[in-house]
Amino acid sequence: MTNDGRPIPVIIDCDTGVDDALALLFAVRHPGLDLRAVTCVAGNTDVDGVVRNTLTVLEVAGAPEIPVARGAARPLIEPSRSARHVHGDDGMGDIGLPAPTRVPSDLGAVDLLRREILASPRPVTLIPTAPLTNIALLLRTHPEVTDHIERIVFMGGAVACGNATAVAEFNVWHDPEAAAILLTAGVPITMYGLDVFQRVVVPGADVRALRESAEPGARLAGDLLAHRPAAPDVDGDPEAGGIGDAGAVCAVVDPAGIATRLLPVEVSLAPGPTRGQTLVDRRPRPGESEIHDGLREQSLVDVALEVDVDRFVKLYLETVAGV
């Protein structure tokens, strides 16, 4: 909720995806959020699959008729490279979800983003849980929207280890140029990266309870969590599952659940093994490079370094299943 007790207007930009689906299930059920639109981009699977998955999740969740738009089919420069080896051939764990009866908006993602941001009576919080292509196109095409954005809370990047490469996280690695554009948006930004993303794990017993629920949305959350193994697998329980992208949405509802530091962040765009790395400068003072070559202009980002795991697990379960 905002300080005046009203729901926070949010838009999710996603590549649904198992954990994007977990994020959507949370967003449509939390009373403190007003989900105004969902935009889709290629990433975990192709963009048409992302649109299909998004519509299906919203339908199963019993969400109101939230507009859903198709966005970029590939990154700004490079070809699309999916994560089907993680999310299954259909992007949703191949758990046999039905085709949706809902249809997407006639507007493309950038136009829908612009419309909903400018139409909102209060500044919108953007929550990208995907490669940042749509957001970069929006910022370059319609820079006027930045005056109507409260904050961008994105799932992406890493301070320590990556997952797409040794140093690069998938969403940023998939479209590094788009991520670099995001960092120059001129609005407050929170980076919910792998350092916290991988830690919020729902215990296997809670996952099994969700899977046995008679309520379709809660049951879907359980099936998705069971597909997404915990990283790390704290209890050795094969059904323990990480909430992944949903943690970024939890951080919008409950920002006190993460510990952040305002730090300079830039994206490595050079070819080679560091491409897509988020370089987070945690040094207490400039080093020899800056002393000899001068300070570079860098974007300051609220980087999530710690997360209250129990707090976010409890928040997720209470919201999705009312437990």
Protein backbone atom coordinates (compact mmCIF):
# COMPACT_ATOMS: atom_id res chain seq x y z
CA MET A 1 0.00 0.00 0.00
CA THR A 2 1.02 3.63 -0.48
CA ASN A 3 1.26 5.95 2.52
CA ASP A 4 -2.36 6.99 2.00
CA GLY A 5 -3.56 3.37 2.17
CA ARG A 6 -4.23 2.98 -1.55
CA PRO A 7 -2.82 0.12 -3.65
CA ILE A 8 0.45 0.75 -5.48
CA PRO A 9 -0.09 1.01 -9.25
CA VAL A 10 2.29 -1.45 -10.92
CA ILE A 11 3.04 -2.83 -14.37
CA ILE A 12 4.92 -6.12 -14.80
CA ASP A 13 7.08 -6.68 -17.87
CA CYS A 14 7.83 -10.40 -18.07
CA ASP A 15 8.96 -13.41 -20.11
CA THR A 16 6.64 -15.96 -18.47
CA GLY A 17 8.49 -18.40 -17.43
CA VAL A 18 7.92 -20.45 -14.32
CA ASP A 19 8.99 -17.82 -11.83
CA ASP A 20 7.42 -14.95 -13.77
CA ALA A 21 4.18 -16.91 -13.37
CA LEU A 22 4.81 -17.08 -9.62
CA ALA A 23 5.26 -13.31 -9.66
CA LEU A 24 1.99 -12.78 -11.55
CA LEU A 25 0.08 -15.02 -9.14
CA PHE A 26 1.35 -12.93 -6.24
CA ALA A 27 0.72 -9.58 -7.93
CA VAL A 28 -2.92 -10.25 -8.81
CA ARG A 29 -3.70 -11.49 -5.29
CA HIS A 30 -1.99 -8.94 -3.09
CA PRO A 31 -4.44 -6.22 -1.99
CA GLY A 32 -1.65 -3.66 -1.82
CA LEU A 33 -1.01 -3.81 -5.57
CA ASP A 34 -3.02 -2.46 -8.49
CA LEU A 35 -1.73 -4.46 -11.47
CA ARG A 36 -2.58 -2.17 -14.38
CA ALA A 37 -1.03 -4.13 -17.26
CA VAL A 38 1.38 -6.91 -18.18
CA THR A 39 3.77 -6.65 -21.11
CA CYS A 40 5.59 -9.59 -22.67
CA VAL A 41 9.06 -9.99 -24.15
CA ALA A 42 11.13 -12.86 -25.51
CA GLY A 43 13.38 -14.47 -22.94
CA ASN A 44 12.60 -17.71 -21.15
CA THR A 45 10.69 -18.73 -24.28
CA ASP A 46 9.61 -17.05 -27.53
CA VAL A 47 7.41 -13.98 -27.20
CA ASP A 48 4.26 -15.67 -28.50
CA GLY A 49 4.72 -18.39 -25.90
CA VAL A 50 5.20 -15.71 -23.26
CA VAL A 51 1.91 -14.06 -24.24
CA ARG A 52 0.11 -17.43 -24.12
CA ASN A 53 1.58 -18.32 -20.74
CA THR A 54 0.78 -14.92 -19.27
CA LEU A 55 -2.86 -15.06 -20.35
CA THR A 56 -3.19 -18.60 -18.99
CA VAL A 57 -1.76 -17.67 -15.59
CA LEU A 58 -4.04 -14.65 -15.25
CA GLU A 59 -7.01 -16.82 -16.22
CA VAL A 60 -6.19 -19.60 -13.75
CA ALA A 61 -5.62 -17.00 -11.03
CA GLY A 62 -9.09 -15.54 -11.62
CA ALA A 63 -7.59 -12.12 -12.30
CA PRO A 64 -9.70 -9.29 -13.69
CA GLU A 65 -9.34 -8.43 -17.36
CA ILE A 66 -5.85 -6.96 -17.12
CA PRO A 67 -4.48 -5.84 -20.51
CA VAL A 68 -1.63 -8.01 -21.80
CA ALA A 69 0.53 -6.91 -24.73
CA ARG A 70 3.06 -8.60 -27.01
CA GLY A 71 6.45 -6.93 -27.06
CA ALA A 72 9.90 -7.47 -28.52
CA ALA A 73 10.61 -10.83 -30.15
CA ARG A 74 14.37 -10.45 -29.79
CA PRO A 75 16.98 -8.29 -28.06
CA LEU A 76 18.03 -4.92 -29.48
CA ILE A 77 21.12 -6.33 -31.21
CA GLU A 78 21.56 -10.06 -30.75
CA PRO A 79 19.27 -13.00 -31.56
CA SER A 80 16.96 -14.35 -28.87
CA ARG A 81 18.37 -17.17 -26.72
CA SER A 82 15.74 -18.94 -24.64
CA ALA A 83 15.96 -20.73 -21.28
CA ARG A 84 13.74 -23.68 -22.23
CA HIS A 85 16.24 -26.04 -20.60
CA VAL A 86 15.14 -24.48 -17.29
CA HIS A 87 11.49 -23.61 -17.97
CA GLY A 88 10.46 -26.46 -20.28
CA ASP A 89 9.49 -26.51 -23.94
CA ASP A 90 6.39 -24.41 -23.27
CA GLY A 91 8.16 -22.12 -20.80
CA MET A 92 5.89 -23.28 -17.98
CA GLY A 93 7.50 -26.49 -16.86
CA ASP A 94 5.53 -28.62 -19.38
CA ILE A 95 2.88 -29.21 -16.70
CA GLY A 96 0.06 -29.34 -19.24
CA LEU A 97 -1.64 -25.99 -18.77
CA PRO A 98 -4.64 -25.31 -21.01
CA ALA A 99 -4.61 -22.72 -23.78
CA PRO A 100 -6.09 -19.41 -22.61
CA THR A 101 -9.47 -18.12 -23.69
CA ARG A 102 -8.36 -14.53 -23.06
CA VAL A 103 -6.77 -12.54 -25.88
CA PRO A 104 -3.98 -9.95 -25.80
CA SER A 105 -4.40 -6.24 -26.32
CA ASP A 106 -4.40 -4.80 -29.83
CA LEU A 107 -1.64 -2.48 -28.65
CA GLY A 108 2.00 -3.48 -28.66
CA ALA A 109 3.94 -3.53 -25.40
CA VAL A 110 5.57 -0.10 -25.75
CA ASP A 111 2.26 1.60 -26.60
CA LEU A 112 0.46 -0.17 -23.75
CA LEU A 113 3.21 0.79 -21.31
CA ARG A 114 2.99 4.42 -22.39
CA ARG A 115 -0.80 4.48 -22.20
CA GLU A 116 -1.04 2.93 -18.75
CA ILE A 117 1.81 4.94 -17.25
CA LEU A 118 0.38 8.25 -18.46
CA ALA A 119 -3.22 7.29 -17.60
CA SER A 120 -2.46 6.32 -14.02
CA PRO A 121 -3.61 8.93 -11.49
CA ARG A 122 -0.43 8.28 -9.49
CA PRO A 123 3.13 7.44 -10.55
CA VAL A 124 3.55 3.80 -11.53
CA THR A 125 6.11 1.29 -10.27
CA LEU A 126 7.52 -0.81 -13.12
CA ILE A 127 8.54 -4.38 -12.27
CA PRO A 128 10.53 -5.94 -15.12
CA THR A 129 11.23 -9.63 -14.45
CA ALA A 130 12.63 -10.30 -17.91
CA PRO A 131 15.19 -9.08 -20.42
CA LEU A 132 14.81 -5.32 -20.55
CA THR A 133 14.16 -4.83 -24.27
CA ASN A 134 10.61 -3.49 -23.93
CA ILE A 135 11.65 -1.07 -21.20
CA ALA A 136 14.59 0.24 -23.21
CA LEU A 137 12.38 0.79 -26.25
CA LEU A 138 9.85 2.62 -24.08
CA LEU A 139 12.48 4.89 -22.53
CA ARG A 140 14.03 5.75 -25.89
CA THR A 141 10.71 6.21 -27.72
CA HIS A 142 8.69 7.97 -25.02
CA PRO A 143 11.08 9.58 -22.50
CA GLU A 144 8.22 11.70 -21.17
CA VAL A 145 6.97 8.67 -19.22
CA THR A 146 9.80 8.98 -16.71
CA ASP A 147 7.99 11.83 -14.95
CA HIS A 148 5.18 9.36 -14.21
CA ILE A 149 7.33 6.46 -12.94
CA GLU A 150 7.75 6.17 -9.18
CA ARG A 151 10.47 3.50 -9.30
CA ILE A 152 11.71 0.62 -11.42
CA VAL A 153 12.27 -2.58 -9.43
CA PHE A 154 13.88 -5.04 -11.81
CA MET A 155 14.88 -8.66 -11.40
CA GLY A 156 18.26 -8.87 -13.01
CA GLY A 157 21.97 -8.64 -12.54
CA ALA A 158 24.26 -10.01 -9.87
CA VAL A 159 26.88 -8.65 -7.53
CA ALA A 160 28.66 -11.99 -7.21
CA CYS A 161 28.10 -14.99 -9.52
CA GLY A 162 25.98 -15.10 -12.65
CA ASN A 163 23.90 -17.92 -14.06
CA ALA A 164 24.01 -17.34 -17.83
CA THR A 165 27.78 -17.02 -17.52
CA ALA A 166 30.15 -17.06 -14.58
CA VAL A 167 29.47 -13.34 -14.04
CA ALA A 168 26.29 -12.47 -15.97
CA GLU A 169 22.67 -13.02 -14.93
CA PHE A 170 20.28 -14.21 -17.68
CA ASN A 171 17.98 -11.18 -18.02
CA VAL A 172 20.86 -8.72 -18.37
CA TRP A 173 22.98 -11.12 -20.46
CA HIS A 174 20.07 -11.66 -22.87
CA ASP A 175 20.02 -7.94 -23.78
CA PRO A 176 22.91 -6.02 -22.20
CA GLU A 177 22.31 -2.87 -24.25
CA ALA A 178 18.72 -2.69 -23.00
CA ALA A 179 19.92 -3.04 -19.40
CA ALA A 180 22.43 -0.25 -19.94
CA ILE A 181 19.62 2.00 -21.20
CA LEU A 182 17.51 1.16 -18.14
CA LEU A 183 20.29 2.32 -15.84
CA THR A 184 20.16 5.78 -17.43
CA ALA A 185 16.38 6.12 -17.03
CA GLY A 186 16.67 8.99 -14.57
CA VAL A 187 14.25 7.43 -12.09
CA PRO A 188 14.92 5.54 -8.83
CA ILE A 189 15.94 1.95 -9.56
CA THR A 190 16.14 -1.13 -7.33
CA MET A 191 18.16 -4.11 -8.56
CA TYR A 192 16.78 -7.40 -7.21
CA GLY A 193 19.58 -9.62 -8.46
CA LEU A 194 20.72 -13.20 -8.12
CA ASP A 195 22.31 -12.47 -4.75
CA VAL A 196 18.83 -12.38 -3.18
CA PHE A 197 16.81 -14.08 -5.95
CA GLN A 198 18.28 -17.50 -5.24
CA ARG A 199 17.78 -17.41 -1.48
CA VAL A 200 13.99 -17.21 -1.08
CA VAL A 201 12.96 -20.88 -1.02
CA VAL A 202 9.55 -22.27 -0.07
CA PRO A 203 9.96 -25.48 1.98
CA GLY A 204 8.79 -28.72 0.40
CA ALA A 205 5.99 -29.22 2.93
CA ASP A 206 4.45 -25.87 1.98
CA VAL A 207 4.82 -26.64 -1.72
CA ARG A 208 2.98 -29.94 -1.23
CA ALA A 209 0.19 -28.14 0.65
CA LEU A 210 -0.22 -25.75 -2.27
CA ARG A 211 -0.34 -28.62 -4.76
CA GLU A 212 -3.14 -30.24 -2.77
CA SER A 213 -5.21 -27.05 -2.66
CA ALA A 214 -8.68 -27.05 -4.20
CA GLU A 215 -8.13 -23.47 -5.39
CA PRO A 216 -6.68 -23.39 -8.94
CA GLY A 217 -4.30 -20.46 -8.47
CA ALA A 218 -2.76 -21.84 -5.29
CA ARG A 219 -2.46 -25.27 -6.90
CA LEU A 220 -0.70 -23.75 -9.92
CA ALA A 221 1.76 -21.98 -7.61
CA GLY A 222 2.55 -25.32 -5.96
CA ASP A 223 3.07 -27.09 -9.28
CA LEU A 224 5.36 -24.33 -10.50
CA LEU A 225 7.38 -24.27 -7.28
CA ALA A 226 7.79 -28.05 -7.44
CA HIS A 227 9.13 -27.67 -10.98
CA ARG A 228 11.61 -24.99 -9.92
CA PRO A 229 14.18 -26.63 -7.64
CA ALA A 230 15.55 -24.69 -4.75
CA ALA A 231 18.87 -22.98 -5.29
CA PRO A 232 20.44 -23.72 -2.92
CA ASP A 233 18.45 -26.79 -1.87
CA VAL A 234 18.49 -25.97 1.83
CA ASP A 235 16.64 -29.01 3.17
CA GLY A 236 17.45 -31.59 0.52
CA ASP A 237 13.72 -31.74 -0.25
CA PRO A 238 13.21 -32.13 -4.01
CA GLU A 239 9.92 -30.21 -3.93
CA ALA A 240 11.32 -27.15 -2.17
CA GLY A 241 11.17 -24.35 -4.72
CA GLY A 242 12.46 -20.83 -5.10
CA ILE A 243 9.95 -18.03 -5.72
CA GLY A 244 12.48 -16.38 -8.03
CA ASP A 245 11.03 -13.33 -9.81
CA ALA A 246 8.19 -13.13 -7.32
CA GLY A 247 10.71 -11.83 -4.81
CA ALA A 248 10.98 -8.59 -6.78
CA VAL A 249 7.22 -8.09 -6.44
CA CYS A 250 7.44 -8.91 -2.72
CA ALA A 251 10.08 -6.17 -2.47
CA VAL A 252 7.60 -3.64 -3.86
CA VAL A 253 4.97 -4.63 -1.28
CA ASP A 254 7.46 -4.94 1.58
CA PRO A 255 10.67 -3.03 0.81
CA ALA A 256 11.88 -3.55 4.38
CA GLY A 257 12.29 -7.24 3.53
CA ILE A 258 15.48 -6.48 1.61
CA ALA A 259 18.61 -4.61 2.62
CA THR A 260 19.91 -2.36 -0.16
CA ARG A 261 22.85 -0.04 -0.72
CA LEU A 262 22.93 2.82 -3.19
CA LEU A 263 25.86 1.85 -5.39
CA PRO A 264 27.28 2.65 -8.84
CA VAL A 265 26.25 -0.01 -11.38
CA GLU A 266 27.17 -0.40 -15.04
CA VAL A 267 26.75 -3.16 -17.60
CA SER A 268 29.64 -4.73 -19.48
CA LEU A 269 28.86 -4.44 -23.21
CA ALA A 270 32.15 -5.67 -24.63
CA PRO A 271 32.27 -9.04 -26.40
CA GLY A 272 33.73 -11.90 -24.43
CA PRO A 273 33.23 -13.65 -21.11
CA THR A 274 32.18 -10.53 -19.16
CA ARG A 275 29.44 -9.40 -21.58
CA GLY A 276 26.23 -8.79 -19.63
CA GLN A 277 27.94 -8.54 -16.25
CA THR A 278 26.53 -5.94 -13.86
CA LEU A 279 29.58 -4.24 -12.40
CA VAL A 280 28.60 -3.12 -8.90
CA ASP A 281 31.17 -0.87 -7.25
CA ARG A 282 31.21 -1.63 -3.54
CA ARG A 283 34.53 0.07 -2.79
CA PRO A 284 34.52 2.67 -0.01
CA ARG A 285 36.66 5.08 -2.08
CA PRO A 286 37.91 5.51 -5.65
CA GLY A 287 40.86 3.41 -6.74
CA GLU A 288 43.94 3.99 -8.86
CA SER A 289 42.00 3.83 -12.12
CA GLU A 290 39.80 6.76 -11.11
CA ILE A 291 42.71 8.68 -9.60
CA HIS A 292 44.75 8.46 -12.80
CA ASP A 293 42.00 8.46 -15.45
CA GLY A 294 39.25 10.47 -13.78
CA LEU A 295 35.85 9.46 -12.41
CA ARG A 296 33.38 7.97 -14.89
CA GLU A 297 29.74 8.91 -14.76
CA GLN A 298 27.93 5.88 -13.33
CA SER A 299 24.32 5.17 -12.48
CA LEU A 300 23.45 4.87 -8.80
CA VAL A 301 21.15 1.94 -8.06
CA ASP A 302 19.63 0.56 -4.85
CA VAL A 303 21.21 -2.88 -4.99
CA ALA A 304 19.60 -5.64 -2.90
CA LEU A 305 22.35 -7.35 -0.93
CA GLU A 306 20.35 -9.20 1.74
CA VAL A 307 16.83 -10.59 2.02
CA ASP A 308 14.73 -11.73 4.97
CA VAL A 309 13.93 -15.18 3.59
CA ASP A 310 11.34 -16.22 6.18
CA ARG A 311 9.55 -12.89 5.84
CA PHE A 312 9.21 -13.18 2.05
CA VAL A 313 8.22 -16.86 2.15
CA LYS A 314 5.50 -16.03 4.69
CA LEU A 315 4.34 -13.05 2.61
CA TYR A 316 4.20 -15.15 -0.56
CA LEU A 317 2.26 -18.02 1.02
CA GLU A 318 -0.18 -15.72 2.83
CA THR A 319 -0.90 -13.87 -0.40
CA VAL A 320 -1.16 -16.74 -2.85
CA ALA A 321 -2.88 -19.30 -0.64
CA GLY A 322 -4.07 -17.39 2.41
CA VAL A 323 -2.07 -19.62 4.75
